[in-house]
């Protein structure tokens, strides 16, 4: 089933929501980086959230970067979202596995770390990107993003993110998320209605894993909130790296560094962190770049 983002309104347009089913994007990330089960859950949740936020970008050239930098063994988890909800991401330590928690669930908070920083960088083509930051609450990802919106953007939010995996194989069975925010004129009655529905919302990933479409799952979970879908998107895990981008990266290190590479190595091979694709620059290519740098 195709990954999907649905955006819309609740409670007679008092509240807006964005929802995602993202099993395929999480599977693609898992295969690309050979993620452990706990890394799949952690990076998968971050990819889902980054994709939902990126669905709000207005222009094709806009980008959103989210970075989870906790004190756990994961290192940094980095995701980049683009117009249309397209995402890519990686974890510094993708193959680390941890024992299950006492309740039998994957220890995402232990993997990410329960203290550290969540950073969001919105590059909207202006002179400087917008950078927001908050302290991690739990490392469980959803709670951390909810805290970010409340503390850094003064926008209270309900965030649910879930990745379900097969216990033995780690196969991704379902992945989904919901992001709910009140509109400026939202009343207390609408907020209370959303709070009452919150326990049902946590069933989203289970419904998706059972084969329900995102739209049918939302109808079941948000039926009391009068959901109205206004926009649909088909997100995906998609890396936009290219040889030209890597050439610009090499140019950015400067003439002295390029000379040093030519003198001691004679060539360079760069690997994209997001998709693993390798780009080789032989002596002729590096010499041409060096001439460009001098220019």
C-alpha atoms as a PDB file:
ATOM      1  CA  UNK A   1       0.000   0.000   0.000  1.00  0.00           C
ATOM      2  CA  UNK A   2       1.365   3.416  -1.025  1.00  0.00           C
ATOM      3  CA  UNK A   3       2.594   5.664   1.795  1.00  0.00           C
ATOM      4  CA  UNK A   4       0.195   8.544   2.365  1.00  0.00           C
ATOM      5  CA  UNK A   5      -0.073  11.902   4.111  1.00  0.00           C
ATOM      6  CA  UNK A   6      -3.529  13.286   4.865  1.00  0.00           C
ATOM      7  CA  UNK A   7      -3.991  16.848   6.095  1.00  0.00           C
ATOM      8  CA  UNK A   8      -7.226  18.328   7.300  1.00  0.00           C
ATOM      9  CA  UNK A   9      -9.359  19.882  10.014  1.00  0.00           C
ATOM     10  CA  UNK A  10     -11.133  18.674  13.150  1.00  0.00           C
ATOM     11  CA  UNK A  11     -13.915  20.019  15.374  1.00  0.00           C
ATOM     12  CA  UNK A  12     -15.496  22.364  12.812  1.00  0.00           C
ATOM     13  CA  UNK A  13     -12.119  23.764  11.699  1.00  0.00           C
ATOM     14  CA  UNK A  14     -10.996  24.578  15.253  1.00  0.00           C
ATOM     15  CA  UNK A  15      -8.050  22.166  15.025  1.00  0.00           C
ATOM     16  CA  UNK A  16      -5.763  21.083  12.192  1.00  0.00           C
ATOM     17  CA  UNK A  17      -4.203  17.663  11.772  1.00  0.00           C
ATOM     18  CA  UNK A  18      -1.600  15.911   9.659  1.00  0.00           C
ATOM     19  CA  UNK A  19      -1.486  12.107   9.550  1.00  0.00           C
ATOM     20  CA  UNK A  20       0.911   9.712   7.828  1.00  0.00           C
ATOM     21  CA  UNK A  21       1.182   6.053   6.944  1.00  0.00           C
ATOM     22  CA  UNK A  22       4.856   5.416   6.197  1.00  0.00           C
ATOM     23  CA  UNK A  23       5.635   1.707   6.230  1.00  0.00           C
ATOM     24  CA  UNK A  24       7.493   1.812   2.920  1.00  0.00           C
ATOM     25  CA  UNK A  25       9.664   4.821   3.822  1.00  0.00           C
ATOM     26  CA  UNK A  26      10.687   3.173   7.088  1.00  0.00           C
ATOM     27  CA  UNK A  27      11.386  -0.109   5.286  1.00  0.00           C
ATOM     28  CA  UNK A  28      13.525   1.734   2.729  1.00  0.00           C
ATOM     29  CA  UNK A  29      15.530   3.422   5.499  1.00  0.00           C
ATOM     30  CA  UNK A  30      15.946   0.080   7.268  1.00  0.00           C
ATOM     31  CA  UNK A  31      17.287  -1.589   4.112  1.00  0.00           C
ATOM     32  CA  UNK A  32      19.496   1.348   3.127  1.00  0.00           C
ATOM     33  CA  UNK A  33      21.278   1.568   6.483  1.00  0.00           C
ATOM     34  CA  UNK A  34      20.896  -2.040   7.750  1.00  0.00           C
ATOM     35  CA  UNK A  35      19.186  -0.678  10.855  1.00  0.00           C
ATOM     36  CA  UNK A  36      18.809  -2.692  14.032  1.00  0.00           C
ATOM     37  CA  UNK A  37      15.277  -3.103  15.384  1.00  0.00           C
ATOM     38  CA  UNK A  38      15.598  -0.274  17.912  1.00  0.00           C
ATOM     39  CA  UNK A  39      17.311   1.976  15.343  1.00  0.00           C
ATOM     40  CA  UNK A  40      14.480   1.259  12.884  1.00  0.00           C
ATOM     41  CA  UNK A  41      11.932   2.326  15.491  1.00  0.00           C
ATOM     42  CA  UNK A  42      13.824   5.485  16.450  1.00  0.00           C
ATOM     43  CA  UNK A  43      14.819   6.716  12.989  1.00  0.00           C
ATOM     44  CA  UNK A  44      11.450   5.568  11.622  1.00  0.00           C
ATOM     45  CA  UNK A  45       9.563   7.764  14.086  1.00  0.00           C
ATOM     46  CA  UNK A  46      11.782  10.726  13.237  1.00  0.00           C
ATOM     47  CA  UNK A  47      11.289  10.175   9.495  1.00  0.00           C
ATOM     48  CA  UNK A  48       7.511  10.090   9.964  1.00  0.00           C
ATOM     49  CA  UNK A  49       7.525  13.358  11.907  1.00  0.00           C
ATOM     50  CA  UNK A  50       9.953  15.070   9.547  1.00  0.00           C
ATOM     51  CA  UNK A  51       7.795  14.068   6.594  1.00  0.00           C
ATOM     52  CA  UNK A  52       4.660  15.471   8.249  1.00  0.00           C
ATOM     53  CA  UNK A  53       6.349  18.781   9.025  1.00  0.00           C
ATOM     54  CA  UNK A  54       7.830  18.941   5.511  1.00  0.00           C
ATOM     55  CA  UNK A  55       4.337  18.507   4.056  1.00  0.00           C
ATOM     56  CA  UNK A  56       3.740  22.070   5.290  1.00  0.00           C
ATOM     57  CA  UNK A  57       6.603  23.524   3.183  1.00  0.00           C
ATOM     58  CA  UNK A  58       5.324  25.910   0.517  1.00  0.00           C
ATOM     59  CA  UNK A  59       8.043  25.880  -2.152  1.00  0.00           C
ATOM     60  CA  UNK A  60       9.925  23.054  -3.956  1.00  0.00           C
ATOM     61  CA  UNK A  61      13.314  24.426  -2.864  1.00  0.00           C
ATOM     62  CA  UNK A  62      12.452  24.579   0.852  1.00  0.00           C
ATOM     63  CA  UNK A  63      13.987  22.014   3.212  1.00  0.00           C
ATOM     64  CA  UNK A  64      13.566  20.969   6.812  1.00  0.00           C
ATOM     65  CA  UNK A  65      16.288  19.250   8.847  1.00  0.00           C
ATOM     66  CA  UNK A  66      15.653  17.594  12.201  1.00  0.00           C
ATOM     67  CA  UNK A  67      18.474  16.414  14.455  1.00  0.00           C
ATOM     68  CA  UNK A  68      18.120  14.264  17.564  1.00  0.00           C
ATOM     69  CA  UNK A  69      21.356  14.522  19.536  1.00  0.00           C
ATOM     70  CA  UNK A  70      20.909  12.554  22.745  1.00  0.00           C
ATOM     71  CA  UNK A  71      23.259  10.979  25.246  1.00  0.00           C
ATOM     72  CA  UNK A  72      22.394   7.434  24.143  1.00  0.00           C
ATOM     73  CA  UNK A  73      24.457   5.098  21.953  1.00  0.00           C
ATOM     74  CA  UNK A  74      22.662   6.196  18.745  1.00  0.00           C
ATOM     75  CA  UNK A  75      24.878   9.236  18.295  1.00  0.00           C
ATOM     76  CA  UNK A  76      23.029  11.737  16.101  1.00  0.00           C
ATOM     77  CA  UNK A  77      19.875  10.939  14.158  1.00  0.00           C
ATOM     78  CA  UNK A  78      19.496  13.286  11.196  1.00  0.00           C
ATOM     79  CA  UNK A  79      16.517  13.588   8.840  1.00  0.00           C
ATOM     80  CA  UNK A  80      15.929  15.975   5.949  1.00  0.00           C
ATOM     81  CA  UNK A  81      12.443  16.656   4.602  1.00  0.00           C
ATOM     82  CA  UNK A  82      11.492  18.330   1.341  1.00  0.00           C
ATOM     83  CA  UNK A  83       8.431  19.775  -0.325  1.00  0.00           C
ATOM     84  CA  UNK A  84       5.809  17.069  -0.733  1.00  0.00           C
ATOM     85  CA  UNK A  85       6.843  15.126   2.371  1.00  0.00           C
ATOM     86  CA  UNK A  86       9.874  13.426   0.790  1.00  0.00           C
ATOM     87  CA  UNK A  87      12.496  12.461   3.375  1.00  0.00           C
ATOM     88  CA  UNK A  88      15.905  10.932   3.917  1.00  0.00           C
ATOM     89  CA  UNK A  89      17.818  10.223   7.105  1.00  0.00           C
ATOM     90  CA  UNK A  90      20.535   8.335   8.926  1.00  0.00           C
ATOM     91  CA  UNK A  91      21.713   7.352  12.401  1.00  0.00           C
ATOM     92  CA  UNK A  92      25.364   7.640  13.391  1.00  0.00           C
ATOM     93  CA  UNK A  93      25.243   4.164  14.964  1.00  0.00           C
ATOM     94  CA  UNK A  94      22.629   2.208  12.985  1.00  0.00           C
ATOM     95  CA  UNK A  95      23.472  -1.351  14.061  1.00  0.00           C
ATOM     96  CA  UNK A  96      23.337  -1.056  17.857  1.00  0.00           C
ATOM     97  CA  UNK A  97      20.685  -3.242  19.499  1.00  0.00           C
ATOM     98  CA  UNK A  98      19.422  -2.894  23.063  1.00  0.00           C
ATOM     99  CA  UNK A  99      17.507  -5.269  25.374  1.00  0.00           C
ATOM    100  CA  UNK A 100      13.747  -4.776  25.422  1.00  0.00           C
ATOM    101  CA  UNK A 101      12.245  -2.628  28.150  1.00  0.00           C
ATOM    102  CA  UNK A 102      10.502  -4.245  31.128  1.00  0.00           C
ATOM    103  CA  UNK A 103       7.161  -3.861  29.313  1.00  0.00           C
ATOM    104  CA  UNK A 104       8.484  -5.776  26.295  1.00  0.00           C
ATOM    105  CA  UNK A 105       8.790  -2.741  24.020  1.00  0.00           C
ATOM    106  CA  UNK A 106      11.853  -1.513  22.138  1.00  0.00           C
ATOM    107  CA  UNK A 107      13.964   0.861  24.225  1.00  0.00           C
ATOM    108  CA  UNK A 108      13.932   3.830  21.862  1.00  0.00           C
ATOM    109  CA  UNK A 109      14.570   6.279  24.697  1.00  0.00           C
ATOM    110  CA  UNK A 110      17.610   4.292  25.807  1.00  0.00           C
ATOM    111  CA  UNK A 111      18.936   4.225  22.241  1.00  0.00           C
ATOM    112  CA  UNK A 112      18.445   7.954  21.562  1.00  0.00           C
ATOM    113  CA  UNK A 113      19.182   9.086  25.108  1.00  0.00           C
ATOM    114  CA  UNK A 114      16.906  10.736  27.626  1.00  0.00           C
ATOM    115  CA  UNK A 115      18.829  14.001  27.706  1.00  0.00           C
ATOM    116  CA  UNK A 116      20.227  16.061  24.866  1.00  0.00           C
ATOM    117  CA  UNK A 117      18.832  18.355  22.171  1.00  0.00           C
ATOM    118  CA  UNK A 118      16.264  18.295  19.390  1.00  0.00           C
ATOM    119  CA  UNK A 119      17.024  20.825  16.658  1.00  0.00           C
ATOM    120  CA  UNK A 120      14.840  21.873  13.715  1.00  0.00           C
ATOM    121  CA  UNK A 121      16.320  23.855  10.832  1.00  0.00           C
ATOM    122  CA  UNK A 122      13.958  25.347   8.246  1.00  0.00           C
ATOM    123  CA  UNK A 123      15.742  26.578   5.117  1.00  0.00           C
ATOM    124  CA  UNK A 124      13.136  28.573   3.205  1.00  0.00           C
ATOM    125  CA  UNK A 125      15.492  30.280   0.767  1.00  0.00           C
ATOM    126  CA  UNK A 126      15.900  33.363   2.941  1.00  0.00           C
ATOM    127  CA  UNK A 127      19.205  34.942   3.940  1.00  0.00           C
ATOM    128  CA  UNK A 128      19.470  32.742   7.042  1.00  0.00           C
ATOM    129  CA  UNK A 129      17.645  29.503   7.919  1.00  0.00           C
ATOM    130  CA  UNK A 130      15.352  29.419  10.938  1.00  0.00           C
ATOM    131  CA  UNK A 131      16.841  27.300  13.742  1.00  0.00           C
ATOM    132  CA  UNK A 132      14.810  26.125  16.746  1.00  0.00           C
ATOM    133  CA  UNK A 133      15.952  23.921  19.600  1.00  0.00           C
ATOM    134  CA  UNK A 134      14.699  22.292  22.792  1.00  0.00           C
ATOM    135  CA  UNK A 135      15.884  19.796  25.390  1.00  0.00           C
ATOM    136  CA  UNK A 136      14.888  16.158  24.967  1.00  0.00           C
ATOM    137  CA  UNK A 137      12.107  14.984  27.260  1.00  0.00           C
ATOM    138  CA  UNK A 138      12.400  11.208  26.987  1.00  0.00           C
ATOM    139  CA  UNK A 139      14.194  10.254  23.764  1.00  0.00           C
ATOM    140  CA  UNK A 140      11.007   8.481  22.649  1.00  0.00           C
ATOM    141  CA  UNK A 141      10.759  10.992  19.751  1.00  0.00           C
ATOM    142  CA  UNK A 142       7.025  11.817  19.780  1.00  0.00           C
ATOM    143  CA  UNK A 143       7.171  13.402  23.234  1.00  0.00           C
ATOM    144  CA  UNK A 144      10.299  15.301  22.237  1.00  0.00           C
ATOM    145  CA  UNK A 145       8.686  16.811  19.146  1.00  0.00           C
ATOM    146  CA  UNK A 146       5.574  17.730  21.145  1.00  0.00           C
ATOM    147  CA  UNK A 147       7.828  19.495  23.647  1.00  0.00           C
ATOM    148  CA  UNK A 148       9.628  21.294  20.813  1.00  0.00           C
ATOM    149  CA  UNK A 149       6.428  22.755  19.369  1.00  0.00           C
ATOM    150  CA  UNK A 150       5.245  23.876  22.798  1.00  0.00           C
ATOM    151  CA  UNK A 151       8.543  25.304  24.058  1.00  0.00           C
ATOM    152  CA  UNK A 152      10.189  26.649  20.884  1.00  0.00           C
ATOM    153  CA  UNK A 153       7.233  27.605  18.690  1.00  0.00           C
ATOM    154  CA  UNK A 154       4.600  28.253  21.380  1.00  0.00           C
ATOM    155  CA  UNK A 155       2.263  25.870  19.565  1.00  0.00           C
ATOM    156  CA  UNK A 156       0.843  23.142  21.836  1.00  0.00           C
ATOM    157  CA  UNK A 157       0.666  19.877  19.900  1.00  0.00           C
ATOM    158  CA  UNK A 158      -0.459  16.292  20.265  1.00  0.00           C
ATOM    159  CA  UNK A 159       2.056  14.015  18.544  1.00  0.00           C
ATOM    160  CA  UNK A 160       1.768  10.264  18.082  1.00  0.00           C
ATOM    161  CA  UNK A 161       4.426   8.248  16.208  1.00  0.00           C
ATOM    162  CA  UNK A 162       4.651   4.483  15.931  1.00  0.00           C
ATOM    163  CA  UNK A 163       6.663   1.801  14.121  1.00  0.00           C
ATOM    164  CA  UNK A 164       5.595  -1.838  14.507  1.00  0.00           C
ATOM    165  CA  UNK A 165       8.101  -4.600  13.730  1.00  0.00           C
ATOM    166  CA  UNK A 166       7.969  -8.370  13.602  1.00  0.00           C
ATOM    167  CA  UNK A 167       9.635  -9.586  16.809  1.00  0.00           C
ATOM    168  CA  UNK A 168      12.023 -12.147  15.315  1.00  0.00           C
ATOM    169  CA  UNK A 169      12.902 -10.736  11.896  1.00  0.00           C
ATOM    170  CA  UNK A 170      12.524  -7.008  12.526  1.00  0.00           C
ATOM    171  CA  UNK A 171      10.316  -6.693   9.424  1.00  0.00           C
ATOM    172  CA  UNK A 172       8.376  -3.417   9.477  1.00  0.00           C
ATOM    173  CA  UNK A 173       4.670  -4.293   9.696  1.00  0.00           C
ATOM    174  CA  UNK A 174       3.314  -0.777   9.974  1.00  0.00           C
ATOM    175  CA  UNK A 175       4.356   2.825  10.622  1.00  0.00           C
ATOM    176  CA  UNK A 176       2.202   5.867  11.224  1.00  0.00           C
ATOM    177  CA  UNK A 177       1.859   9.187  12.946  1.00  0.00           C
ATOM    178  CA  UNK A 178      -0.595  11.964  13.776  1.00  0.00           C
ATOM    179  CA  UNK A 179       0.214  15.602  14.497  1.00  0.00           C
ATOM    180  CA  UNK A 180      -2.615  17.745  15.903  1.00  0.00           C
ATOM    181  CA  UNK A 181      -2.494  21.492  16.615  1.00  0.00           C
ATOM    182  CA  UNK A 182      -5.217  23.944  17.688  1.00  0.00           C
ATOM    183  CA  UNK A 183      -6.001  26.921  15.470  1.00  0.00           C
ATOM    184  CA  UNK A 184      -5.675  30.427  17.007  1.00  0.00           C
ATOM    185  CA  UNK A 185      -9.408  30.675  17.780  1.00  0.00           C
ATOM    186  CA  UNK A 186      -9.753  27.142  19.139  1.00  0.00           C
ATOM    187  CA  UNK A 187     -11.981  26.858  22.205  1.00  0.00           C
ATOM    188  CA  UNK A 188     -11.572  24.738  25.328  1.00  0.00           C
ATOM    189  CA  UNK A 189     -14.372  22.381  24.254  1.00  0.00           C
ATOM    190  CA  UNK A 190     -12.485  21.332  21.105  1.00  0.00           C
ATOM    191  CA  UNK A 191      -9.241  20.838  23.028  1.00  0.00           C
ATOM    192  CA  UNK A 192     -11.058  18.677  25.583  1.00  0.00           C
ATOM    193  CA  UNK A 193     -12.514  16.574  22.767  1.00  0.00           C
ATOM    194  CA  UNK A 194      -9.042  15.914  21.334  1.00  0.00           C
ATOM    195  CA  UNK A 195      -7.675  15.033  24.758  1.00  0.00           C
ATOM    196  CA  UNK A 196     -10.511  12.539  25.214  1.00  0.00           C
ATOM    197  CA  UNK A 197      -9.672  10.931  21.856  1.00  0.00           C
ATOM    198  CA  UNK A 198      -5.923  10.691  22.568  1.00  0.00           C
ATOM    199  CA  UNK A 199      -5.974   7.094  23.916  1.00  0.00           C
ATOM    200  CA  UNK A 200      -7.673   5.878  20.707  1.00  0.00           C
ATOM    201  CA  UNK A 201      -5.119   7.696  18.529  1.00  0.00           C
ATOM    202  CA  UNK A 202      -2.392   5.441  19.935  1.00  0.00           C
ATOM    203  CA  UNK A 203      -4.037   2.549  18.042  1.00  0.00           C
ATOM    204  CA  UNK A 204      -3.071   4.018  14.646  1.00  0.00           C
ATOM    205  CA  UNK A 205      -0.037   1.817  13.952  1.00  0.00           C
ATOM    206  CA  UNK A 206      -1.939  -1.327  14.953  1.00  0.00           C
ATOM    207  CA  UNK A 207      -4.753  -0.456  12.521  1.00  0.00           C
ATOM    208  CA  UNK A 208      -2.279   0.225   9.706  1.00  0.00           C
ATOM    209  CA  UNK A 209      -0.425  -3.027  10.447  1.00  0.00           C
ATOM    210  CA  UNK A 210      -3.732  -4.887  10.104  1.00  0.00           C
ATOM    211  CA  UNK A 211      -4.075  -3.612   6.536  1.00  0.00           C
ATOM    212  CA  UNK A 212      -6.364  -0.616   7.044  1.00  0.00           C
ATOM    213  CA  UNK A 213      -5.822   2.419   4.842  1.00  0.00           C
ATOM    214  CA  UNK A 214      -4.818   5.648   6.554  1.00  0.00           C
ATOM    215  CA  UNK A 215      -8.173   7.206   5.710  1.00  0.00           C
ATOM    216  CA  UNK A 216     -10.135   4.303   7.193  1.00  0.00           C
ATOM    217  CA  UNK A 217      -7.927   4.313  10.293  1.00  0.00           C
ATOM    218  CA  UNK A 218      -8.553   8.028  10.811  1.00  0.00           C
ATOM    219  CA  UNK A 219     -12.298   7.565  10.435  1.00  0.00           C
ATOM    220  CA  UNK A 220     -12.182   4.954  13.192  1.00  0.00           C
ATOM    221  CA  UNK A 221      -9.939   6.961  15.520  1.00  0.00           C
ATOM    222  CA  UNK A 222     -11.203  10.514  14.978  1.00  0.00           C
ATOM    223  CA  UNK A 223     -14.888   9.851  14.320  1.00  0.00           C
ATOM    224  CA  UNK A 224     -16.011  11.979  17.285  1.00  0.00           C
ATOM    225  CA  UNK A 225     -13.910  14.936  16.074  1.00  0.00           C
ATOM    226  CA  UNK A 226     -15.600  15.418  12.675  1.00  0.00           C
ATOM    227  CA  UNK A 227     -12.477  14.910  10.519  1.00  0.00           C
ATOM    228  CA  UNK A 228     -12.406  16.735   7.188  1.00  0.00           C
ATOM    229  CA  UNK A 229      -9.574  15.819   4.800  1.00  0.00           C
ATOM    230  CA  UNK A 230      -8.365  18.778   2.744  1.00  0.00           C
ATOM    231  CA  UNK A 231      -5.083  17.575   1.207  1.00  0.00           C
ATOM    232  CA  UNK A 232      -3.398  14.324   0.161  1.00  0.00           C
ATOM    233  CA  UNK A 233       0.269  13.621  -0.564  1.00  0.00           C
ATOM    234  CA  UNK A 234       2.334  10.536  -1.385  1.00  0.00           C
ATOM    235  CA  UNK A 235       5.599  10.816   0.600  1.00  0.00           C
ATOM    236  CA  UNK A 236       8.607   8.552   0.190  1.00  0.00           C
ATOM    237  CA  UNK A 237      12.143   7.897   1.377  1.00  0.00           C
ATOM    238  CA  UNK A 238      14.019   9.568  -1.458  1.00  0.00           C
ATOM    239  CA  UNK A 239      17.613  10.813  -1.521  1.00  0.00           C
ATOM    240  CA  UNK A 240      18.332  13.747  -3.803  1.00  0.00           C
ATOM    241  CA  UNK A 241      22.125  13.459  -3.782  1.00  0.00           C
ATOM    242  CA  UNK A 242      24.001  14.008  -7.052  1.00  0.00           C
ATOM    243  CA  UNK A 243      27.542  14.322  -8.381  1.00  0.00           C
ATOM    244  CA  UNK A 244      27.009  18.073  -8.689  1.00  0.00           C
ATOM    245  CA  UNK A 245      26.159  18.336  -4.967  1.00  0.00           C
ATOM    246  CA  UNK A 246      29.314  16.437  -4.045  1.00  0.00           C
ATOM    247  CA  UNK A 247      31.365  18.652  -6.371  1.00  0.00           C
ATOM    248  CA  UNK A 248      30.073  21.672  -4.478  1.00  0.00           C
ATOM    249  CA  UNK A 249      31.018  19.965  -1.211  1.00  0.00           C
ATOM    250  CA  UNK A 250      34.562  19.444  -2.464  1.00  0.00           C
ATOM    251  CA  UNK A 251      34.757  23.028  -3.659  1.00  0.00           C
ATOM    252  CA  UNK A 252      33.650  24.224  -0.246  1.00  0.00           C
ATOM    253  CA  UNK A 253      36.764  22.782   1.452  1.00  0.00           C
ATOM    254  CA  UNK A 254      38.934  25.271  -0.409  1.00  0.00           C
ATOM    255  CA  UNK A 255      41.940  25.342  -2.712  1.00  0.00           C
ATOM    256  CA  UNK A 256      44.483  24.312  -0.075  1.00  0.00           C
ATOM    257  CA  UNK A 257      42.612  21.168   0.937  1.00  0.00           C
ATOM    258  CA  UNK A 258      42.019  20.166  -2.694  1.00  0.00           C
ATOM    259  CA  UNK A 259      45.731  20.560  -3.407  1.00  0.00           C
ATOM    260  CA  UNK A 260      46.501  18.364  -0.407  1.00  0.00           C
ATOM    261  CA  UNK A 261      44.143  15.619  -1.638  1.00  0.00           C
ATOM    262  CA  UNK A 262      45.718  15.733  -5.105  1.00  0.00           C
ATOM    263  CA  UNK A 263      49.243  15.603  -3.716  1.00  0.00           C
ATOM    264  CA  UNK A 264      48.738  12.784  -1.216  1.00  0.00           C
ATOM    265  CA  UNK A 265      45.790  10.752  -2.527  1.00  0.00           C
ATOM    266  CA  UNK A 266      45.440  11.602  -6.196  1.00  0.00           C
ATOM    267  CA  UNK A 267      41.707  10.926  -6.062  1.00  0.00           C
ATOM    268  CA  UNK A 268      38.721  11.127  -3.738  1.00  0.00           C
ATOM    269  CA  UNK A 269      35.707   8.939  -3.053  1.00  0.00           C
ATOM    270  CA  UNK A 270      32.728  10.425  -1.238  1.00  0.00           C
ATOM    271  CA  UNK A 271      29.790   8.417   0.117  1.00  0.00           C
ATOM    272  CA  UNK A 272      26.321   9.888   0.651  1.00  0.00           C
ATOM    273  CA  UNK A 273      25.339   9.401   4.295  1.00  0.00           C
ATOM    274  CA  UNK A 274      21.653   9.202   3.408  1.00  0.00           C
ATOM    275  CA  UNK A 275      21.640   6.546   0.676  1.00  0.00           C
ATOM    276  CA  UNK A 276      25.145   5.031   0.636  1.00  0.00           C
ATOM    277  CA  UNK A 277      25.828   5.912  -3.006  1.00  0.00           C
ATOM    278  CA  UNK A 278      29.529   6.425  -3.758  1.00  0.00           C
ATOM    279  CA  UNK A 279      30.978   9.120  -5.996  1.00  0.00           C
ATOM    280  CA  UNK A 280      34.581   8.778  -7.256  1.00  0.00           C
ATOM    281  CA  UNK A 281      36.611  11.796  -8.355  1.00  0.00           C
ATOM    282  CA  UNK A 282      39.809  10.858 -10.204  1.00  0.00           C
ATOM    283  CA  UNK A 283      42.861  13.078 -10.667  1.00  0.00           C
ATOM    284  CA  UNK A 284      41.427  14.764 -13.758  1.00  0.00           C
ATOM    285  CA  UNK A 285      38.150  15.577 -12.000  1.00  0.00           C
ATOM    286  CA  UNK A 286      39.941  16.928  -8.934  1.00  0.00           C
ATOM    287  CA  UNK A 287      42.271  19.017 -11.101  1.00  0.00           C
ATOM    288  CA  UNK A 288      39.255  20.521 -12.869  1.00  0.00           C
ATOM    289  CA  UNK A 289      37.670  21.312  -9.497  1.00  0.00           C
ATOM    290  CA  UNK A 290      40.917  22.872  -8.319  1.00  0.00           C
ATOM    291  CA  UNK A 291      40.979  25.147 -11.350  1.00  0.00           C
ATOM    292  CA  UNK A 292      37.371  26.066 -10.591  1.00  0.00           C
ATOM    293  CA  UNK A 293      38.301  26.855  -6.987  1.00  0.00           C
ATOM    294  CA  UNK A 294      41.148  29.100  -8.145  1.00  0.00           C
ATOM    295  CA  UNK A 295      38.700  30.889 -10.409  1.00  0.00           C
END
